[in-house]
Structure formats: C-alpha cells, structure tokens
Protein backbone atom coordinates (compact mmCIF):
# COMPACT_ATOMS: atom_id res chain seq x y z
CA UNK A 1 -4.39 21.68 -5.08
CA UNK A 2 -6.82 19.16 -3.64
CA UNK A 3 -6.16 15.56 -2.84
CA UNK A 4 -8.49 12.69 -2.31
CA UNK A 5 -7.10 10.43 0.38
CA UNK A 6 -7.98 8.22 3.30
CA UNK A 7 -8.25 9.46 6.84
CA UNK A 8 -7.88 6.82 9.54
CA UNK A 9 -10.56 6.59 12.17
CA UNK A 10 -11.65 3.82 14.48
CA UNK A 11 -9.89 2.35 17.48
CA UNK A 12 -6.61 0.53 18.04
CA UNK A 13 -6.25 -2.55 15.83
CA UNK A 14 -9.54 -1.91 14.14
CA UNK A 15 -9.18 0.98 11.66
CA UNK A 16 -11.93 2.48 9.56
CA UNK A 17 -11.10 5.02 6.84
CA UNK A 18 -12.96 8.03 5.66
CA UNK A 19 -12.35 8.98 2.05
CA UNK A 20 -11.92 12.76 2.13
CA UNK A 21 -11.05 15.69 -0.11
CA UNK A 22 -8.61 18.13 1.46
CA UNK A 23 -5.76 20.39 0.53
CA UNK A 24 -2.68 18.41 -0.50
CA UNK A 25 -0.38 20.33 1.84
CA UNK A 26 -2.45 19.35 4.92
CA UNK A 27 -1.79 16.28 6.96
CA UNK A 28 -4.63 13.71 6.71
CA UNK A 29 -5.30 13.93 10.47
CA UNK A 30 -5.34 17.76 10.61
CA UNK A 31 -9.13 17.85 10.49
CA UNK A 32 -9.24 20.40 7.76
CA UNK A 33 -11.48 18.61 5.24
CA UNK A 34 -13.16 20.19 2.18
CA UNK A 35 -15.62 17.28 1.78
CA UNK A 36 -16.14 13.71 2.85
CA UNK A 37 -16.94 11.55 -0.15
CA UNK A 38 -17.13 8.06 1.42
CA UNK A 39 -15.73 5.51 3.76
CA UNK A 40 -13.92 2.24 3.66
CA UNK A 41 -13.86 -0.62 6.18
CA UNK A 42 -10.79 -2.90 5.44
CA UNK A 43 -12.13 -5.74 7.65
CA UNK A 44 -15.41 -6.17 5.80
CA UNK A 45 -14.05 -4.67 2.51
CA UNK A 46 -17.20 -2.44 2.47
CA UNK A 47 -16.91 0.75 0.51
CA UNK A 48 -19.53 3.57 0.56
CA UNK A 49 -19.02 6.31 -1.97
CA UNK A 50 -20.95 9.45 -3.01
CA UNK A 51 -20.21 9.02 -6.75
CA UNK A 52 -21.44 12.49 -7.67
CA UNK A 53 -19.06 14.20 -5.27
CA UNK A 54 -16.16 12.01 -6.34
CA UNK A 55 -16.86 12.73 -10.00
CA UNK A 56 -17.09 16.46 -9.29
CA UNK A 57 -13.79 16.69 -7.48
CA UNK A 58 -11.94 14.49 -10.00
CA UNK A 59 -13.37 16.57 -12.78
CA UNK A 60 -11.99 19.68 -11.07
CA UNK A 61 -8.49 18.42 -10.69
CA UNK A 62 -8.44 16.65 -7.25
CA UNK A 63 -5.54 14.19 -7.24
CA UNK A 64 -6.39 10.75 -5.77
CA UNK A 65 -3.82 8.86 -3.68
CA UNK A 66 -2.70 5.53 -5.08
CA UNK A 67 -4.75 3.48 -2.60
CA UNK A 68 -7.88 5.70 -3.14
CA UNK A 69 -7.46 5.36 -6.92
CA UNK A 70 -7.26 1.53 -6.50
CA UNK A 71 -10.53 1.58 -4.41
CA UNK A 72 -12.25 3.91 -6.88
CA UNK A 73 -11.40 1.70 -9.85
CA UNK A 74 -12.58 -1.34 -7.96
CA UNK A 75 -15.90 0.35 -7.38
CA UNK A 76 -16.22 1.25 -11.06
CA UNK A 77 -15.58 4.94 -10.86
CA UNK A 78 -14.12 6.21 -14.13
CA UNK A 79 -10.73 7.93 -13.68
CA UNK A 80 -9.97 11.11 -15.60
CA UNK A 81 -7.71 10.94 -18.69
CA UNK A 82 -4.97 12.94 -17.01
CA UNK A 83 -4.56 10.46 -14.21
CA UNK A 84 -1.41 8.31 -14.48
CA UNK A 85 -1.21 5.17 -12.50
CA UNK A 86 1.91 4.67 -10.40
CA UNK A 87 4.21 1.84 -11.54
CA UNK A 88 4.80 -1.03 -9.19
CA UNK A 89 8.33 -1.10 -7.88
CA UNK A 90 10.35 -4.20 -8.49
CA UNK A 91 12.48 -5.60 -5.70
CA UNK A 92 16.18 -5.57 -6.39
CA UNK A 93 18.63 -7.90 -4.66
CA UNK A 94 21.65 -5.86 -3.49
CA UNK A 95 24.17 -8.76 -3.47
CA UNK A 96 22.85 -11.65 -5.61
CA UNK A 97 26.16 -13.48 -5.27
CA UNK A 98 25.58 -13.83 -1.49
CA UNK A 99 22.32 -15.67 -1.91
CA UNK A 100 22.33 -19.29 -0.81
CA UNK A 101 20.90 -20.42 -4.13
CA UNK A 102 23.85 -18.82 -6.03
CA UNK A 103 26.56 -20.47 -3.76
CA UNK A 104 28.53 -23.41 -5.05
CA UNK A 105 27.15 -26.77 -3.79
CA UNK A 106 29.28 -28.49 -1.22
CA UNK A 107 29.86 -32.28 -1.25
CA UNK A 108 28.61 -33.95 1.96
CA UNK A 109 31.56 -35.24 3.97
CA UNK A 110 31.37 -38.73 5.51
CA UNK A 111 33.80 -38.35 8.45
CA UNK A 112 33.07 -40.33 11.52
CA UNK A 113 33.18 -38.35 14.69
CA UNK A 114 34.06 -41.43 16.79
CA UNK A 115 37.53 -41.95 15.21
CA UNK A 116 38.96 -38.86 16.93
CA UNK A 117 39.71 -39.51 20.64
CA UNK A 118 41.39 -37.17 22.99
CA UNK A 119 44.50 -38.64 24.60
CA UNK A 120 45.25 -37.76 28.20
C-alpha cells in the first residue's frame, strides 16, 4: 500500500518538507520514494504541488497522512470518496475535582501577624 506523507528536509530549526509517495511500511527518511509530488515550506506557508501526480496516486489508492490531507484540502485538491477524515481528539481532565476552579472558596482571614510575640 502506498502512502502520501511529508519527508523532512532542511537544516536544524529550519525545516522544509517534501511531499512524497512511498510504501506505507517504510520510514519517511528511508529514502525509498516512489514519487515526489510537491513540497511545503512551513515558514512561508508556500506549497508547490504537481496536481496530476497527486490525483493519479489518490485515484490508485494512496493513503494521505492527516497533515498532507489538510494541506491538499487547503490547496483545493479534491479528496476521493473513500477517504475518511480523522476526528479531533478532545482533551479529558483526569481528576476534575482537583482543579482549582472546582475547589470550595476559602474566606480570607484577617489575623494580624504582629499580635503573636515570642517570649524568651
């Protein structure tokens, strides 16, 4: 099965991503790429795509990663009918009773600290 995913290139703290088609079992940095279909620069938000290649591989069953699917939709590439968008995970609070906003409010005490003196 083929996957369309991003492959990180560039230097430290300045990534540039290639959008590639490769076997799903391979690691993105393995170098074994079936085709390069575009690139993405996150700093300038510039996307360059070969729409014909993207359409061809999507039409033949290549599975886009969630981030690549987001970029493709933003660029106006029509996704196939079989593609299902991943649902956003909702954050769950493990112990809501421990949250400060759920604690009972304390009355401010007006004790004077000067009234207590240490006797020698």
